[in-house]
Amino acid sequence: MDEERLIVLRNCGDEIQAELVRGILNSEGIPSMMRRLLNPLTSPYGELFGGVDVLVLPEDRPRALEILEAHGA
């Protein structure tokens, strides 16, 4: 996967939620990655406040959104 091309699909509140989203996408053949957002004012607890982005390729975004909507995610 070309990491330089990845765009944010969704910001999740924590890593567990992001993994659930990634699992749904993976089951439908859409590759994805996670990026933790650290808030420098709250580190080392940045994940609690910054969340986790789920990233996909731009061409996969429309289908990924449809899939997540169909799963109620």
PDB file of N, CA and C in Angstrom:
ATOM      1  N   MET A   1       0.851  -1.167   0.000  1.00  0.00           N
ATOM      2  CA  MET A   1       0.000   0.000   0.000  1.00  0.00           C
ATOM      3  C   MET A   1       0.905   1.241   0.000  1.00  0.00           C
ATOM      4  N   ASP A   2       0.575   2.195  -0.848  1.00  0.00           N
ATOM      5  CA  ASP A   2       1.344   3.425  -0.965  1.00  0.00           C
ATOM      6  C   ASP A   2       0.931   4.390   0.144  1.00  0.00           C
ATOM      7  N   GLU A   3       1.694   4.392   1.239  1.00  0.00           N
ATOM      8  CA  GLU A   3       1.324   5.162   2.428  1.00  0.00           C
ATOM      9  C   GLU A   3       1.229   6.658   2.160  1.00  0.00           C
ATOM     10  N   GLU A   4       1.961   7.153   1.196  1.00  0.00           N
ATOM     11  CA  GLU A   4       1.929   8.589   0.897  1.00  0.00           C
ATOM     12  C   GLU A   4       0.592   9.024   0.329  1.00  0.00           C
ATOM     13  N   ARG A   5      -0.148   8.114  -0.243  1.00  0.00           N
ATOM     14  CA  ARG A   5      -1.437   8.436  -0.862  1.00  0.00           C
ATOM     15  C   ARG A   5      -2.618   8.266   0.084  1.00  0.00           C
ATOM     16  N   LEU A   6      -2.407   7.708   1.251  1.00  0.00           N
ATOM     17  CA  LEU A   6      -3.513   7.412   2.150  1.00  0.00           C
ATOM     18  C   LEU A   6      -4.228   8.674   2.623  1.00  0.00           C
ATOM     19  N   ILE A   7      -5.546   8.552   2.759  1.00  0.00           N
ATOM     20  CA  ILE A   7      -6.359   9.652   3.269  1.00  0.00           C
ATOM     21  C   ILE A   7      -7.176   9.145   4.459  1.00  0.00           C
ATOM     22  N   VAL A   8      -7.652  10.068   5.260  1.00  0.00           N
ATOM     23  CA  VAL A   8      -8.426   9.708   6.446  1.00  0.00           C
ATOM     24  C   VAL A   8      -9.836   9.304   6.020  1.00  0.00           C
ATOM     25  N   LEU A   9     -10.232   8.123   6.430  1.00  0.00           N
ATOM     26  CA  LEU A   9     -11.597   7.660   6.221  1.00  0.00           C
ATOM     27  C   LEU A   9     -12.454   8.050   7.412  1.00  0.00           C
ATOM     28  N   ARG A  10     -11.908   7.824   8.604  1.00  0.00           N
ATOM     29  CA  ARG A  10     -12.678   8.085   9.821  1.00  0.00           C
ATOM     30  C   ARG A  10     -11.730   8.255  11.004  1.00  0.00           C
ATOM     31  N   ASN A  11     -12.122   9.132  11.915  1.00  0.00           N
ATOM     32  CA  ASN A  11     -11.408   9.269  13.177  1.00  0.00           C
ATOM     33  C   ASN A  11     -12.188   8.491  14.224  1.00  0.00           C
ATOM     34  N   CYS A  12     -11.515   7.585  14.885  1.00  0.00           N
ATOM     35  CA  CYS A  12     -12.138   6.755  15.907  1.00  0.00           C
ATOM     36  C   CYS A  12     -11.681   7.222  17.285  1.00  0.00           C
ATOM     37  N   GLY A  13     -12.507   6.984  18.264  1.00  0.00           N
ATOM     38  CA  GLY A  13     -12.206   7.424  19.613  1.00  0.00           C
ATOM     39  C   GLY A  13     -11.046   6.699  20.260  1.00  0.00           C
ATOM     40  N   ASP A  14     -10.824   5.438  19.844  1.00  0.00           N
ATOM     41  CA  ASP A  14      -9.725   4.674  20.432  1.00  0.00           C
ATOM     42  C   ASP A  14      -9.289   3.586  19.471  1.00  0.00           C
ATOM     43  N   GLU A  15      -8.236   2.883  19.862  1.00  0.00           N
ATOM     44  CA  GLU A  15      -7.664   1.859  18.996  1.00  0.00           C
ATOM     45  C   GLU A  15      -8.610   0.671  18.798  1.00  0.00           C
ATOM     46  N   ILE A  16      -9.388   0.346  19.789  1.00  0.00           N
ATOM     47  CA  ILE A  16     -10.341  -0.772  19.665  1.00  0.00           C
ATOM     48  C   ILE A  16     -11.371  -0.474  18.581  1.00  0.00           C
ATOM     49  N   GLN A  17     -11.944   0.709  18.609  1.00  0.00           N
ATOM     50  CA  GLN A  17     -12.920   1.093  17.598  1.00  0.00           C
ATOM     51  C   GLN A  17     -12.269   1.106  16.207  1.00  0.00           C
ATOM     52  N   ALA A  18     -11.047   1.613  16.118  1.00  0.00           N
ATOM     53  CA  ALA A  18     -10.348   1.643  14.834  1.00  0.00           C
ATOM     54  C   ALA A  18     -10.100   0.231  14.310  1.00  0.00           C
ATOM     55  N   GLU A  19      -9.745  -0.687  15.192  1.00  0.00           N
ATOM     56  CA  GLU A  19      -9.524  -2.085  14.770  1.00  0.00           C
ATOM     57  C   GLU A  19     -10.827  -2.727  14.285  1.00  0.00           C
ATOM     58  N   LEU A  20     -11.936  -2.399  14.915  1.00  0.00           N
ATOM     59  CA  LEU A  20     -13.224  -2.925  14.452  1.00  0.00           C
ATOM     60  C   LEU A  20     -13.522  -2.423  13.046  1.00  0.00           C
ATOM     61  N   VAL A  21     -13.317  -1.134  12.809  1.00  0.00           N
ATOM     62  CA  VAL A  21     -13.538  -0.560  11.480  1.00  0.00           C
ATOM     63  C   VAL A  21     -12.620  -1.233  10.469  1.00  0.00           C
ATOM     64  N   ARG A  22     -11.346  -1.381  10.818  1.00  0.00           N
ATOM     65  CA  ARG A  22     -10.396  -2.038   9.915  1.00  0.00           C
ATOM     66  C   ARG A  22     -10.792  -3.482   9.636  1.00  0.00           C
ATOM     67  N   GLY A  23     -11.320  -4.177  10.635  1.00  0.00           N
ATOM     68  CA  GLY A  23     -11.753  -5.556  10.431  1.00  0.00           C
ATOM     69  C   GLY A  23     -12.889  -5.657   9.434  1.00  0.00           C
ATOM     70  N   ILE A  24     -13.836  -4.733   9.527  1.00  0.00           N
ATOM     71  CA  ILE A  24     -14.951  -4.710   8.564  1.00  0.00           C
ATOM     72  C   ILE A  24     -14.408  -4.455   7.163  1.00  0.00           C
ATOM     73  N   LEU A  25     -13.540  -3.466   7.037  1.00  0.00           N
ATOM     74  CA  LEU A  25     -12.981  -3.137   5.719  1.00  0.00           C
ATOM     75  C   LEU A  25     -12.170  -4.296   5.168  1.00  0.00           C
ATOM     76  N   ASN A  26     -11.350  -4.916   6.002  1.00  0.00           N
ATOM     77  CA  ASN A  26     -10.530  -6.037   5.566  1.00  0.00           C
ATOM     78  C   ASN A  26     -11.388  -7.206   5.088  1.00  0.00           C
ATOM     79  N   SER A  27     -12.499  -7.453   5.773  1.00  0.00           N
ATOM     80  CA  SER A  27     -13.373  -8.564   5.373  1.00  0.00           C
ATOM     81  C   SER A  27     -13.998  -8.324   3.996  1.00  0.00           C
ATOM     82  N   GLU A  28     -14.007  -7.066   3.560  1.00  0.00           N
ATOM     83  CA  GLU A  28     -14.554  -6.712   2.247  1.00  0.00           C
ATOM     84  C   GLU A  28     -13.446  -6.440   1.228  1.00  0.00           C
ATOM     85  N   GLY A  29     -12.204  -6.723   1.618  1.00  0.00           N
ATOM     86  CA  GLY A  29     -11.091  -6.591   0.687  1.00  0.00           C
ATOM     87  C   GLY A  29     -10.521  -5.191   0.538  1.00  0.00           C
ATOM     88  N   ILE A  30     -10.806  -4.320   1.496  1.00  0.00           N
ATOM     89  CA  ILE A  30     -10.271  -2.956   1.434  1.00  0.00           C
ATOM     90  C   ILE A  30      -9.133  -2.829   2.442  1.00  0.00           C
ATOM     91  N   PRO A  31      -7.920  -2.612   1.951  1.00  0.00           N
ATOM     92  CA  PRO A  31      -6.785  -2.444   2.868  1.00  0.00           C
ATOM     93  C   PRO A  31      -6.873  -1.099   3.589  1.00  0.00           C
ATOM     94  N   SER A  32      -6.378  -1.075   4.810  1.00  0.00           N
ATOM     95  CA  SER A  32      -6.399   0.167   5.583  1.00  0.00           C
ATOM     96  C   SER A  32      -5.255   0.152   6.579  1.00  0.00           C
ATOM     97  N   MET A  33      -4.997   1.310   7.153  1.00  0.00           N
ATOM     98  CA  MET A  33      -3.983   1.454   8.190  1.00  0.00           C
ATOM     99  C   MET A  33      -4.547   2.340   9.282  1.00  0.00           C
ATOM    100  N   MET A  34      -3.874   2.324  10.440  1.00  0.00           N
ATOM    101  CA  MET A  34      -4.260   3.199  11.552  1.00  0.00           C
ATOM    102  C   MET A  34      -3.134   4.190  11.806  1.00  0.00           C
ATOM    103  N   ARG A  35      -3.531   5.377  12.273  1.00  0.00           N
ATOM    104  CA  ARG A  35      -2.552   6.373  12.700  1.00  0.00           C
ATOM    105  C   ARG A  35      -3.051   6.973  14.002  1.00  0.00           C
ATOM    106  N   ARG A  36      -2.277   6.793  15.059  1.00  0.00           N
ATOM    107  CA  ARG A  36      -2.640   7.373  16.357  1.00  0.00           C
ATOM    108  C   ARG A  36      -2.401   8.875  16.313  1.00  0.00           C
ATOM    109  N   LEU A  37      -3.332   9.608  16.873  1.00  0.00           N
ATOM    110  CA  LEU A  37      -3.200  11.058  16.947  1.00  0.00           C
ATOM    111  C   LEU A  37      -2.834  11.429  18.364  1.00  0.00           C
ATOM    112  N   LEU A  38      -1.647  11.918  18.540  1.00  0.00           N
ATOM    113  CA  LEU A  38      -1.194  12.283  19.871  1.00  0.00           C
ATOM    114  C   LEU A  38      -1.347  13.785  20.061  1.00  0.00           C
ATOM    115  N   ASN A  39      -1.945  14.145  21.137  1.00  0.00           N
ATOM    116  CA  ASN A  39      -2.081  15.543  21.513  1.00  0.00           C
ATOM    117  C   ASN A  39      -0.896  15.875  22.408  1.00  0.00           C
ATOM    118  N   PRO A  40      -0.011  16.767  21.977  1.00  0.00           N
ATOM    119  CA  PRO A  40       1.192  17.026  22.776  1.00  0.00           C
ATOM    120  C   PRO A  40       0.898  17.570  24.171  1.00  0.00           C
ATOM    121  N   LEU A  41      -0.266  18.134  24.364  1.00  0.00           N
ATOM    122  CA  LEU A  41      -0.610  18.668  25.677  1.00  0.00           C
ATOM    123  C   LEU A  41      -1.012  17.582  26.662  1.00  0.00           C
ATOM    124  N   THR A  42      -1.377  16.398  26.142  1.00  0.00           N
ATOM    125  CA  THR A  42      -1.854  15.331  27.011  1.00  0.00           C
ATOM    126  C   THR A  42      -0.963  14.095  26.999  1.00  0.00           C
ATOM    127  N   SER A  43       0.101  14.083  26.223  1.00  0.00           N
ATOM    128  CA  SER A  43       0.968  12.911  26.169  1.00  0.00           C
ATOM    129  C   SER A  43       1.443  12.576  27.574  1.00  0.00           C
ATOM    130  N   PRO A  44       1.577  11.314  27.959  1.00  0.00           N
ATOM    131  CA  PRO A  44       1.486  10.128  27.120  1.00  0.00           C
ATOM    132  C   PRO A  44       0.071   9.584  26.949  1.00  0.00           C
ATOM    133  N   TYR A  45      -0.930  10.351  27.257  1.00  0.00           N
ATOM    134  CA  TYR A  45      -2.306   9.889  27.151  1.00  0.00           C
ATOM    135  C   TYR A  45      -2.983  10.437  25.912  1.00  0.00           C
ATOM    136  N   GLY A  46      -2.217  10.701  24.880  1.00  0.00           N
ATOM    137  CA  GLY A  46      -2.736  11.337  23.670  1.00  0.00           C
ATOM    138  C   GLY A  46      -3.859  10.579  23.005  1.00  0.00           C
ATOM    139  N   GLU A  47      -3.800   9.248  23.053  1.00  0.00           N
ATOM    140  CA  GLU A  47      -4.843   8.460  22.401  1.00  0.00           C
ATOM    141  C   GLU A  47      -6.211   8.716  23.023  1.00  0.00           C
ATOM    142  N   LEU A  48      -6.223   8.989  24.310  1.00  0.00           N
ATOM    143  CA  LEU A  48      -7.495   9.248  24.975  1.00  0.00           C
ATOM    144  C   LEU A  48      -8.160  10.510  24.439  1.00  0.00           C
ATOM    145  N   PHE A  49      -7.354  11.447  23.959  1.00  0.00           N
ATOM    146  CA  PHE A  49      -7.879  12.729  23.542  1.00  0.00           C
ATOM    147  C   PHE A  49      -7.776  12.964  22.044  1.00  0.00           C
ATOM    148  N   GLY A  50      -6.800  12.359  21.392  1.00  0.00           N
ATOM    149  CA  GLY A  50      -6.592  12.594  19.972  1.00  0.00           C
ATOM    150  C   GLY A  50      -7.307  11.587  19.096  1.00  0.00           C
ATOM    151  N   GLY A  51      -7.435  10.377  19.576  1.00  0.00           N
ATOM    152  CA  GLY A  51      -8.091   9.346  18.801  1.00  0.00           C
ATOM    153  C   GLY A  51      -7.138   8.634  17.855  1.00  0.00           C
ATOM    154  N   VAL A  52      -7.743   7.890  16.943  1.00  0.00           N
ATOM    155  CA  VAL A  52      -7.005   7.098  15.972  1.00  0.00           C
ATOM    156  C   VAL A  52      -7.675   7.274  14.622  1.00  0.00           C
ATOM    157  N   ASP A  53      -6.900   7.646  13.610  1.00  0.00           N
ATOM    158  CA  ASP A  53      -7.440   7.754  12.253  1.00  0.00           C
ATOM    159  C   ASP A  53      -7.339   6.401  11.567  1.00  0.00           C
ATOM    160  N   VAL A  54      -8.376   6.055  10.796  1.00  0.00           N
ATOM    161  CA  VAL A  54      -8.331   4.914   9.892  1.00  0.00           C
ATOM    162  C   VAL A  54      -8.109   5.499   8.504  1.00  0.00           C
ATOM    163  N   LEU A  55      -7.064   5.013   7.831  1.00  0.00           N
ATOM    164  CA  LEU A  55      -6.646   5.543   6.539  1.00  0.00           C
ATOM    165  C   LEU A  55      -6.883   4.526   5.437  1.00  0.00           C
ATOM    166  N   VAL A  56      -7.299   5.018   4.274  1.00  0.00           N
ATOM    167  CA  VAL A  56      -7.505   4.175   3.096  1.00  0.00           C
ATOM    168  C   VAL A  56      -6.968   4.911   1.870  1.00  0.00           C
ATOM    169  N   LEU A  57      -6.853   4.190   0.777  1.00  0.00           N
ATOM    170  CA  LEU A  57      -6.487   4.818  -0.486  1.00  0.00           C
ATOM    171  C   LEU A  57      -7.674   5.640  -0.988  1.00  0.00           C
ATOM    172  N   PRO A  58      -7.415   6.747  -1.670  1.00  0.00           N
ATOM    173  CA  PRO A  58      -8.514   7.605  -2.133  1.00  0.00           C
ATOM    174  C   PRO A  58      -9.553   6.869  -2.978  1.00  0.00           C
ATOM    175  N   GLU A  59      -9.099   5.950  -3.816  1.00  0.00           N
ATOM    176  CA  GLU A  59     -10.043   5.236  -4.688  1.00  0.00           C
ATOM    177  C   GLU A  59     -10.917   4.247  -3.915  1.00  0.00           C
ATOM    178  N   ASP A  60     -10.509   3.871  -2.703  1.00  0.00           N
ATOM    179  CA  ASP A  60     -11.299   2.946  -1.886  1.00  0.00           C
ATOM    180  C   ASP A  60     -12.293   3.655  -0.965  1.00  0.00           C
ATOM    181  N   ARG A  61     -12.152   4.957  -0.809  1.00  0.00           N
ATOM    182  CA  ARG A  61     -12.970   5.696   0.166  1.00  0.00           C
ATOM    183  C   ARG A  61     -14.475   5.575  -0.077  1.00  0.00           C
ATOM    184  N   PRO A  62     -14.987   5.808  -1.306  1.00  0.00           N
ATOM    185  CA  PRO A  62     -16.449   5.720  -1.493  1.00  0.00           C
ATOM    186  C   PRO A  62     -17.014   4.347  -1.114  1.00  0.00           C
ATOM    187  N   ARG A  63     -16.349   3.292  -1.551  1.00  0.00           N
ATOM    188  CA  ARG A  63     -16.823   1.940  -1.228  1.00  0.00           C
ATOM    189  C   ARG A  63     -16.701   1.656   0.261  1.00  0.00           C
ATOM    190  N   ALA A  64     -15.607   2.117   0.873  1.00  0.00           N
ATOM    191  CA  ALA A  64     -15.408   1.913   2.308  1.00  0.00           C
ATOM    192  C   ALA A  64     -16.518   2.576   3.111  1.00  0.00           C
ATOM    193  N   LEU A  65     -16.901   3.778   2.741  1.00  0.00           N
ATOM    194  CA  LEU A  65     -17.991   4.468   3.436  1.00  0.00           C
ATOM    195  C   LEU A  65     -19.307   3.711   3.300  1.00  0.00           C
ATOM    196  N   GLU A  66     -19.583   3.194   2.099  1.00  0.00           N
ATOM    197  CA  GLU A  66     -20.803   2.397   1.877  1.00  0.00           C
ATOM    198  C   GLU A  66     -20.807   1.154   2.756  1.00  0.00           C
ATOM    199  N   ILE A  67     -19.677   0.478   2.817  1.00  0.00           N
ATOM    200  CA  ILE A  67     -19.564  -0.748   3.613  1.00  0.00           C
ATOM    201  C   ILE A  67     -19.793  -0.450   5.082  1.00  0.00           C
ATOM    202  N   LEU A  68     -19.171   0.592   5.597  1.00  0.00           N
ATOM    203  CA  LEU A  68     -19.335   0.928   7.008  1.00  0.00           C
ATOM    204  C   LEU A  68     -20.771   1.322   7.297  1.00  0.00           C
ATOM    205  N   GLU A  69     -21.410   2.031   6.391  1.00  0.00           N
ATOM    206  CA  GLU A  69     -22.808   2.409   6.592  1.00  0.00           C
ATOM    207  C   GLU A  69     -23.705   1.166   6.610  1.00  0.00           C
ATOM    208  N   ALA A  70     -23.424   0.223   5.712  1.00  0.00           N
ATOM    209  CA  ALA A  70     -24.210  -1.013   5.657  1.00  0.00           C
ATOM    210  C   ALA A  70     -24.048  -1.828   6.938  1.00  0.00           C
ATOM    211  N   HIS A  71     -22.901  -1.726   7.586  1.00  0.00           N
ATOM    212  CA  HIS A  71     -22.632  -2.453   8.830  1.00  0.00           C
ATOM    213  C   HIS A  71     -23.035  -1.642  10.062  1.00  0.00           C
ATOM    214  N   GLY A  72     -23.535  -0.439   9.845  1.00  0.00           N
ATOM    215  CA  GLY A  72     -23.925   0.390  10.974  1.00  0.00           C
ATOM    216  C   GLY A  72     -22.741   0.861  11.796  1.00  0.00           C
ATOM    217  N   ALA A  73     -21.605   0.920  11.166  1.00  0.00           N
ATOM    218  CA  ALA A  73     -20.376   1.319  11.885  1.00  0.00           C
ATOM    219  C   ALA A  73     -20.038   2.773  11.625  1.00  0.00           C
TER     220      ALA A  73
END
